[in-house]
Amino acid sequence: MTPHSGRPFRATLPLVLLLLAPPLDARQQGGPQPPAAVTVVRLERREVTPVSSFTGRVEAVDKVDLRARVDGFVQEIRFREGADVQAGELLFVMEKGPYIAKVKEAEAAILAAEGSLKLADLEVERQTVLVQRQAVAQAKLDEAIAKQAQARGALLGYRAALERARLDLSYTDVASPVSGRIGRASVSVGDFVGPTSPPLATVVGQEPIYVTFPVSVRQLLEVRRKAEVAGSDARAVQIRVRLADGTLYGELGRLDFVDVEVDPGTDTIALRAELPNPKRTLIDGALVTVLVETAQPRSALLVPQSAVQFDQAGRFVLVLDPEGKVLVRRVRLGPTYGTLYAVEDGLREGERVITEGIQKVRPGAVVTPTEAPLPPVEASVPRN
């Protein structure tokens, strides 16, 4: 190909590339930019219940270790591990033969002692008559009376032995002293157990159940002071529990105990709440979050958490003025209620804050807002 023949190709190449290129948008062309689309929420005041959050531990109202009170072999285990048991329900049966024999021995000893006492009584009567007739010396009567007392004492001893033998026999039946759920058996049929053996099993009460949580002395004094000013009972609070998976336990509890001693290591005092546990959801020893709600609700200006941003100067939100221009507002926030913050300072009721599209706007820009409702407070519970 000659140089002359290649010129038409080089001249048409830029034109072809220009035709194939995508059209320039308004920014590339240097034209005016359309307003960014954002979602806004209009701030409102709502009734909220102040809540304090603590870490607590579930504790059973009743927790009993079942132990053998006499020596013997386990003959029967009459429960299913993990099942509910009732107070007085028979759970373990130990061998009874040796203890039945002891009862019979004690009964036989009592019969013999009763016979000896009867003879002693007769001897006292005989010697009394003889002494009255001056047929024998007083010493004979005194000796008979002493033997009578010995026989009476022996009879009392044998009767006590019978009671002990019967008590030991009753201990061969191990029943639950409380109602609850029983754990695993630590023994099997045929094992030899006694008073020094480990617990045979543990019964844990299920309904109701306790949740214990520590509160700092400062917090406790503050609550009492506020209650005194309001003329209310500091114990008049509702207790809620958040489970390990973050879900809220459906039953409400009540405060039933405040400890009388402060932990010197942490300067906290233990509080205890009692909650219903009909579905056995709360398990002894579990770690939970305790939410203490005061009885008196209050009005609070609320802002969605999605509207709040952070920088080196602190927290702020983006607010729209009446013309739709973006403004920066520094805010001071209070407790959280689910997905909402309580606003302490920096915002006013009725103002519009940007909750979506924040990354697309800058202060001073004009935007196209779409208004969304403020999330409900009723389903919101503060988180740590």
Protein backbone atom coordinates (compact mmCIF):
# COMPACT_ATOMS: atom_id res chain seq x y z
CA MET A 1 0.00 0.00 0.00
CA THR A 2 1.37 3.42 -0.95
CA PRO A 3 1.37 6.38 1.41
CA HIS A 4 -1.17 8.09 -0.74
CA SER A 5 -3.58 5.14 -0.56
CA GLY A 6 -3.47 5.06 3.33
CA ARG A 7 -4.58 8.65 3.90
CA PRO A 8 -8.37 8.14 3.51
CA PHE A 9 -8.30 5.40 6.22
CA ARG A 10 -6.46 7.60 8.75
CA ALA A 11 -8.87 10.46 8.14
CA THR A 12 -12.02 8.42 8.71
CA LEU A 13 -10.82 6.55 11.87
CA PRO A 14 -11.47 9.39 14.41
CA LEU A 15 -14.94 9.86 12.98
CA VAL A 16 -15.78 6.17 13.43
CA LEU A 17 -14.57 6.23 17.06
CA LEU A 18 -16.62 9.32 17.75
CA LEU A 19 -19.77 7.69 16.42
CA LEU A 20 -19.21 4.55 18.52
CA ALA A 21 -18.53 6.42 21.80
CA PRO A 22 -21.44 6.68 24.37
CA PRO A 23 -23.08 10.09 24.72
CA LEU A 24 -21.75 12.37 27.46
CA ASP A 25 -23.97 12.85 30.54
CA ALA A 26 -24.77 16.22 31.98
CA ARG A 27 -21.71 16.20 34.28
CA GLN A 28 -19.31 15.34 31.39
CA GLN A 29 -20.93 17.98 29.23
CA GLY A 30 -20.55 20.57 32.03
CA GLY A 31 -24.32 21.17 32.28
CA PRO A 32 -26.41 21.61 35.50
CA GLN A 33 -26.73 18.53 37.77
CA PRO A 34 -30.17 17.19 38.76
CA PRO A 35 -30.91 17.29 42.55
CA ALA A 36 -29.97 14.09 44.36
CA ALA A 37 -32.88 11.93 45.54
CA VAL A 38 -32.89 11.26 49.29
CA THR A 39 -35.23 9.82 51.91
CA VAL A 40 -36.12 12.02 54.86
CA VAL A 41 -37.99 11.54 58.12
CA ARG A 42 -39.86 14.31 59.90
CA LEU A 43 -38.98 14.43 63.58
CA GLU A 44 -41.76 13.83 66.09
CA ARG A 45 -42.23 13.64 69.81
CA ARG A 46 -43.36 10.28 71.12
CA GLU A 47 -44.12 8.74 74.49
CA VAL A 48 -41.19 6.59 75.59
CA THR A 49 -40.42 4.65 78.73
CA PRO A 50 -36.91 5.29 80.11
CA VAL A 51 -34.96 2.05 80.22
CA SER A 52 -31.68 1.03 81.83
CA SER A 53 -29.78 -1.99 80.59
CA PHE A 54 -27.78 -4.43 82.74
CA THR A 55 -26.15 -7.83 82.39
CA GLY A 56 -27.90 -10.46 84.48
CA ARG A 57 -27.84 -14.15 85.31
CA VAL A 58 -30.82 -16.50 85.42
CA GLU A 59 -31.22 -18.29 88.75
CA ALA A 60 -33.70 -20.97 89.74
CA VAL A 61 -35.98 -20.24 92.66
CA ASP A 62 -35.40 -23.82 93.87
CA LYS A 63 -32.35 -25.93 93.08
CA VAL A 64 -31.85 -29.15 95.03
CA ASP A 65 -29.13 -31.79 94.88
CA LEU A 66 -30.62 -35.22 95.57
CA ARG A 67 -28.35 -37.24 97.86
CA ALA A 68 -28.39 -40.70 99.42
CA ARG A 69 -28.89 -40.42 103.19
CA VAL A 70 -28.10 -44.09 103.90
CA ASP A 71 -25.69 -46.62 102.42
CA GLY A 72 -26.99 -49.10 99.91
CA PHE A 73 -27.29 -50.25 96.32
CA VAL A 74 -29.51 -48.42 93.82
CA GLN A 75 -32.35 -50.74 92.78
CA GLU A 76 -34.56 -48.46 90.66
CA ILE A 77 -34.40 -45.12 88.83
CA ARG A 78 -37.94 -43.94 88.24
CA PHE A 79 -37.59 -40.84 86.08
CA ARG A 80 -36.60 -39.74 82.60
CA GLU A 81 -33.63 -37.41 82.54
CA GLY A 82 -34.63 -33.85 81.65
CA ALA A 83 -38.29 -34.42 82.53
CA ASP A 84 -40.50 -32.37 84.82
CA VAL A 85 -41.01 -33.85 88.28
CA GLN A 86 -43.38 -32.93 91.07
CA ALA A 87 -42.67 -32.37 94.74
CA GLY A 88 -42.90 -35.73 96.55
CA GLU A 89 -42.41 -37.79 93.37
CA LEU A 90 -40.34 -40.94 93.92
CA LEU A 91 -37.14 -40.82 91.86
CA PHE A 92 -34.63 -43.38 93.26
CA VAL A 93 -35.24 -46.62 95.16
CA MET A 94 -32.41 -48.18 97.15
CA GLU A 95 -32.20 -51.72 98.57
CA LYS A 96 -34.56 -52.06 101.50
CA GLY A 97 -33.73 -55.54 102.89
CA PRO A 98 -31.10 -54.57 105.48
CA TYR A 99 -33.22 -51.71 106.78
CA ILE A 100 -36.40 -53.80 106.98
CA ALA A 101 -34.40 -56.28 109.06
CA LYS A 102 -33.28 -53.50 111.42
CA VAL A 103 -36.88 -52.42 111.88
CA LYS A 104 -37.88 -55.97 112.80
CA GLU A 105 -34.96 -56.27 115.23
CA ALA A 106 -36.00 -53.05 116.92
CA GLU A 107 -39.60 -54.23 117.16
CA ALA A 108 -38.47 -57.50 118.74
CA ALA A 109 -36.26 -55.65 121.21
CA ILE A 110 -39.24 -53.51 122.21
CA LEU A 111 -41.36 -56.58 122.90
CA ALA A 112 -38.64 -57.98 125.13
CA ALA A 113 -38.17 -54.65 126.90
CA GLU A 114 -41.91 -54.32 127.50
CA GLY A 115 -41.85 -57.79 129.13
CA SER A 116 -38.93 -56.82 131.34
CA LEU A 117 -40.67 -53.63 132.36
CA LYS A 118 -43.83 -55.55 133.24
CA LEU A 119 -41.86 -57.86 135.49
CA ALA A 120 -40.15 -54.87 137.07
CA ASP A 121 -43.53 -53.25 137.75
CA LEU A 122 -44.79 -56.44 139.42
CA GLU A 123 -41.66 -56.67 141.54
CA VAL A 124 -42.10 -53.11 142.74
CA GLU A 125 -45.72 -53.84 143.73
CA ARG A 126 -44.67 -56.99 145.61
CA GLN A 127 -41.87 -55.32 147.49
CA THR A 128 -44.09 -52.39 148.36
CA VAL A 129 -46.61 -54.71 150.05
CA LEU A 130 -43.86 -56.56 151.90
CA VAL A 131 -42.32 -53.33 153.14
CA GLN A 132 -45.71 -52.18 154.38
CA ARG A 133 -46.00 -55.44 156.34
CA GLN A 134 -42.44 -54.98 157.51
CA ALA A 135 -41.64 -58.37 156.06
CA VAL A 136 -38.57 -57.12 154.14
CA ALA A 137 -36.18 -54.23 154.44
CA GLN A 138 -36.69 -50.93 152.58
CA ALA A 139 -33.55 -51.68 150.57
CA LYS A 140 -35.38 -54.45 148.70
CA LEU A 141 -38.03 -52.01 147.53
CA ASP A 142 -35.43 -49.47 146.53
CA GLU A 143 -33.63 -52.10 144.47
CA ALA A 144 -36.88 -53.07 142.70
CA ILE A 145 -37.67 -49.46 141.91
CA ALA A 146 -34.18 -48.99 140.40
CA LYS A 147 -34.61 -52.08 138.21
CA GLN A 148 -38.01 -50.77 137.13
CA ALA A 149 -36.41 -47.48 136.04
CA GLN A 150 -33.73 -49.38 134.13
CA ALA A 151 -36.36 -51.45 132.33
CA ARG A 152 -38.34 -48.32 131.48
CA GLY A 153 -35.20 -46.62 130.14
CA ALA A 154 -34.30 -49.66 128.03
CA LEU A 155 -37.77 -49.66 126.53
CA LEU A 156 -37.45 -45.98 125.60
CA GLY A 157 -34.07 -46.70 124.00
CA TYR A 158 -35.48 -49.54 121.90
CA ARG A 159 -38.40 -47.39 120.81
CA ALA A 160 -35.94 -44.69 119.71
CA ALA A 161 -33.98 -47.35 117.82
CA LEU A 162 -37.19 -48.40 116.09
CA GLU A 163 -37.88 -44.82 115.02
CA ARG A 164 -34.33 -44.55 113.69
CA ALA A 165 -34.64 -47.85 111.83
CA ARG A 166 -37.93 -46.77 110.29
CA LEU A 167 -36.38 -43.41 109.31
CA ASP A 168 -33.42 -45.14 107.66
CA LEU A 169 -35.86 -47.39 105.82
CA SER A 170 -37.74 -44.33 104.55
CA TYR A 171 -34.45 -42.88 103.27
CA THR A 172 -34.17 -45.76 100.82
CA ASP A 173 -36.85 -43.94 98.80
CA VAL A 174 -35.40 -40.71 97.38
CA ALA A 175 -38.17 -38.30 96.38
CA SER A 176 -38.02 -34.78 94.99
CA PRO A 177 -38.59 -32.11 97.67
CA VAL A 178 -39.55 -29.52 95.03
CA SER A 179 -41.25 -29.35 91.67
CA GLY A 180 -39.03 -28.66 88.68
CA ARG A 181 -36.97 -30.30 85.97
CA ILE A 182 -34.51 -33.04 86.80
CA GLY A 183 -31.08 -33.34 85.21
CA ARG A 184 -28.94 -36.36 84.45
CA ALA A 185 -28.59 -39.21 86.92
CA SER A 186 -25.02 -39.58 88.16
CA VAL A 187 -25.52 -43.25 89.08
CA SER A 188 -26.89 -46.38 87.52
CA VAL A 189 -28.92 -49.27 88.89
CA GLY A 190 -26.59 -51.47 90.96
CA ASP A 191 -24.25 -48.67 92.07
CA PHE A 192 -23.42 -48.46 95.75
CA VAL A 193 -24.09 -45.01 97.20
CA GLY A 194 -24.12 -43.33 100.58
CA PRO A 195 -24.13 -39.99 102.37
CA THR A 196 -20.59 -39.19 101.18
CA SER A 197 -21.39 -39.94 97.51
CA PRO A 198 -21.85 -37.14 94.94
CA PRO A 199 -25.43 -35.97 94.26
CA LEU A 200 -27.59 -38.58 92.57
CA ALA A 201 -29.22 -35.89 90.39
CA THR A 202 -30.27 -32.23 90.57
CA VAL A 203 -33.79 -30.84 90.43
CA VAL A 204 -34.09 -27.25 89.21
CA GLY A 205 -37.26 -25.22 89.72
CA GLN A 206 -38.65 -23.77 86.50
CA GLU A 207 -41.68 -21.65 87.32
CA PRO A 208 -41.26 -18.87 88.35
CA ILE A 209 -37.60 -18.05 87.92
CA TYR A 210 -35.19 -15.35 89.09
CA VAL A 211 -32.86 -13.02 87.19
CA THR A 212 -30.15 -11.39 89.30
CA PHE A 213 -28.18 -8.37 88.06
CA PRO A 214 -25.68 -5.92 89.62
CA VAL A 215 -26.40 -2.18 89.74
CA SER A 216 -23.89 0.46 90.77
CA VAL A 217 -24.58 2.27 94.00
CA ARG A 218 -24.58 5.57 92.10
CA GLN A 219 -27.33 4.36 89.75
CA LEU A 220 -29.40 3.01 92.63
CA LEU A 221 -29.17 6.29 94.53
CA GLU A 222 -30.13 8.23 91.41
CA VAL A 223 -33.21 6.07 90.84
CA ARG A 224 -34.29 6.45 94.45
CA ARG A 225 -33.78 10.20 94.32
CA LYS A 226 -35.85 10.58 91.17
CA ALA A 227 -38.60 8.40 92.62
CA GLU A 228 -38.65 10.50 95.78
CA VAL A 229 -38.99 13.71 93.76
CA ALA A 230 -41.76 12.18 91.65
CA GLY A 231 -43.49 10.77 94.72
CA SER A 232 -43.40 7.23 93.33
CA ASP A 233 -42.12 3.87 94.49
CA ALA A 234 -38.54 3.18 93.34
CA ARG A 235 -39.46 -0.53 93.06
CA ALA A 236 -42.37 0.21 90.72
CA VAL A 237 -40.50 -0.84 87.59
CA GLN A 238 -41.04 -3.40 84.87
CA ILE A 239 -38.35 -5.94 84.10
CA ARG A 240 -37.78 -7.23 80.59
CA VAL A 241 -35.16 -9.70 79.47
CA ARG A 242 -33.31 -9.95 76.16
CA LEU A 243 -32.09 -13.45 75.37
CA ALA A 244 -28.71 -14.46 73.98
CA ASP A 245 -29.98 -14.43 70.39
CA GLY A 246 -31.14 -10.81 70.74
CA THR A 247 -34.86 -11.59 70.95
CA LEU A 248 -37.01 -10.07 73.65
CA TYR A 249 -38.47 -12.47 76.23
CA GLY A 250 -42.24 -12.25 76.13
CA GLU A 251 -42.96 -12.20 79.88
CA LEU A 252 -42.68 -9.18 82.17
CA GLY A 253 -41.02 -9.43 85.56
CA ARG A 254 -41.08 -7.52 88.81
CA LEU A 255 -38.32 -6.47 91.17
CA ASP A 256 -38.62 -8.55 94.34
CA PHE A 257 -35.30 -8.20 96.18
CA VAL A 258 -32.50 -5.68 96.72
CA ASP A 259 -29.44 -7.01 98.51
CA VAL A 260 -28.43 -5.53 101.86
CA GLU A 261 -24.69 -5.53 101.12
CA VAL A 262 -22.54 -3.79 98.52
CA ASP A 263 -19.82 -5.71 96.71
CA PRO A 264 -16.66 -3.86 97.81
CA GLY A 265 -14.76 -5.00 94.74
CA THR A 266 -17.17 -3.51 92.18
CA ASP A 267 -19.21 -1.05 94.29
CA THR A 268 -22.38 -2.69 93.01
CA ILE A 269 -25.43 -4.09 94.74
CA ALA A 270 -27.35 -7.15 93.55
CA LEU A 271 -30.98 -6.76 92.49
CA ARG A 272 -33.28 -9.68 91.74
CA ALA A 273 -36.34 -9.89 89.54
CA GLU A 274 -38.95 -12.65 89.41
CA LEU A 275 -40.38 -13.64 86.02
CA PRO A 276 -42.89 -16.24 84.83
CA ASN A 277 -41.31 -19.08 82.87
CA PRO A 278 -44.23 -21.12 81.50
CA LYS A 279 -42.40 -22.34 78.38
CA ARG A 280 -39.11 -23.07 80.20
CA THR A 281 -37.36 -20.49 78.01
CA LEU A 282 -35.16 -19.13 80.78
CA ILE A 283 -32.57 -21.68 81.90
CA ASP A 284 -30.76 -21.60 85.22
CA GLY A 285 -27.30 -20.06 84.83
CA ALA A 286 -27.94 -18.38 81.47
CA LEU A 287 -26.52 -14.90 80.80
CA VAL A 288 -29.16 -12.36 79.70
CA THR A 289 -29.61 -8.62 79.26
CA VAL A 290 -31.94 -7.09 81.83
CA LEU A 291 -33.99 -4.05 80.79
CA VAL A 292 -35.40 -2.04 83.67
CA GLU A 293 -38.29 0.18 82.59
CA THR A 294 -39.55 2.94 84.86
CA ALA A 295 -43.29 3.03 85.36
CA GLN A 296 -43.74 6.65 84.18
CA PRO A 297 -43.35 7.30 80.41
CA ARG A 298 -42.05 10.63 79.14
CA SER A 299 -42.17 12.61 75.92
CA ALA A 300 -39.01 12.57 73.79
CA LEU A 301 -37.98 13.92 70.40
CA LEU A 302 -36.79 10.93 68.38
CA VAL A 303 -34.44 10.62 65.41
CA PRO A 304 -33.61 7.43 63.46
CA GLN A 305 -30.17 6.01 64.07
CA SER A 306 -29.63 5.82 60.31
CA ALA A 307 -29.61 9.63 60.19
CA VAL A 308 -26.80 10.03 62.71
CA GLN A 309 -23.20 10.39 61.53
CA PHE A 310 -19.89 10.77 63.33
CA ASP A 311 -16.74 12.79 62.77
CA GLN A 312 -13.92 14.12 64.91
CA ALA A 313 -16.17 16.85 66.31
CA GLY A 314 -18.87 14.38 67.38
CA ARG A 315 -22.32 13.41 66.17
CA PHE A 316 -24.29 15.27 63.53
CA VAL A 317 -27.23 14.86 61.15
CA LEU A 318 -28.11 16.36 57.76
CA VAL A 319 -31.25 18.50 57.88
CA LEU A 320 -33.29 20.03 55.05
CA ASP A 321 -34.38 23.66 55.25
CA PRO A 322 -37.77 24.70 53.75
CA GLU A 323 -36.13 25.15 50.30
CA GLY A 324 -34.69 21.64 50.35
CA LYS A 325 -31.11 22.72 51.02
CA VAL A 326 -28.88 20.42 53.09
CA LEU A 327 -27.68 21.76 56.45
CA VAL A 328 -25.40 20.21 59.08
CA ARG A 329 -26.67 20.04 62.66
CA ARG A 330 -24.58 19.01 65.64
CA VAL A 331 -26.66 16.99 68.08
CA ARG A 332 -26.55 15.71 71.64
CA LEU A 333 -28.32 12.38 71.95
CA GLY A 334 -29.83 10.47 74.85
CA PRO A 335 -30.87 6.82 75.25
CA THR A 336 -31.65 4.59 72.29
CA TYR A 337 -35.06 3.03 71.76
CA GLY A 338 -34.67 0.24 69.25
CA THR A 339 -33.68 2.03 66.00
CA LEU A 340 -34.29 5.50 67.44
CA TYR A 341 -32.26 7.98 69.44
CA ALA A 342 -33.76 10.37 71.95
CA VAL A 343 -32.59 13.89 71.05
CA GLU A 344 -31.36 15.98 73.97
CA ASP A 345 -30.26 19.04 71.97
CA GLY A 346 -29.65 20.28 68.41
CA LEU A 347 -32.94 19.44 66.63
CA ARG A 348 -36.53 20.63 66.71
CA GLU A 349 -39.83 18.85 66.23
CA GLY A 350 -41.01 18.88 62.61
CA GLU A 351 -37.55 19.19 61.04
CA ARG A 352 -36.66 16.80 58.24
CA VAL A 353 -33.49 14.70 58.54
CA ILE A 354 -31.92 12.62 55.78
CA THR A 355 -31.91 8.88 56.50
CA GLU A 356 -31.08 7.44 53.04
CA GLY A 357 -28.87 8.86 50.29
CA ILE A 358 -26.57 10.62 52.75
CA GLN A 359 -23.48 9.64 50.79
CA LYS A 360 -24.79 11.44 47.68
CA VAL A 361 -25.17 14.93 49.17
CA ARG A 362 -23.03 17.69 50.59
CA PRO A 363 -23.91 20.63 52.86
CA GLY A 364 -25.48 23.41 50.85
CA ALA A 365 -26.75 21.12 48.09
CA VAL A 366 -30.40 21.09 47.05
CA VAL A 367 -31.99 17.63 47.00
CA THR A 368 -35.23 15.94 46.00
CA PRO A 369 -36.70 14.47 49.22
CA THR A 370 -39.06 11.54 49.66
CA GLU A 371 -40.63 11.54 53.11
CA ALA A 372 -40.88 8.31 55.12
CA PRO A 373 -42.65 7.80 58.48
CA LEU A 374 -40.81 7.70 61.76
CA PRO A 375 -40.50 4.07 62.97
CA PRO A 376 -42.86 3.15 65.82
CA VAL A 377 -41.60 3.30 69.38
CA GLU A 378 -43.86 0.55 70.73
CA ALA A 379 -41.75 -2.24 69.28
CA SER A 380 -38.49 -0.60 70.28
CA VAL A 381 -36.42 -1.51 73.31
CA PRO A 382 -33.05 0.07 74.10
CA ARG A 383 -29.93 -1.91 73.39
CA ASN A 384 -26.56 -1.75 75.07
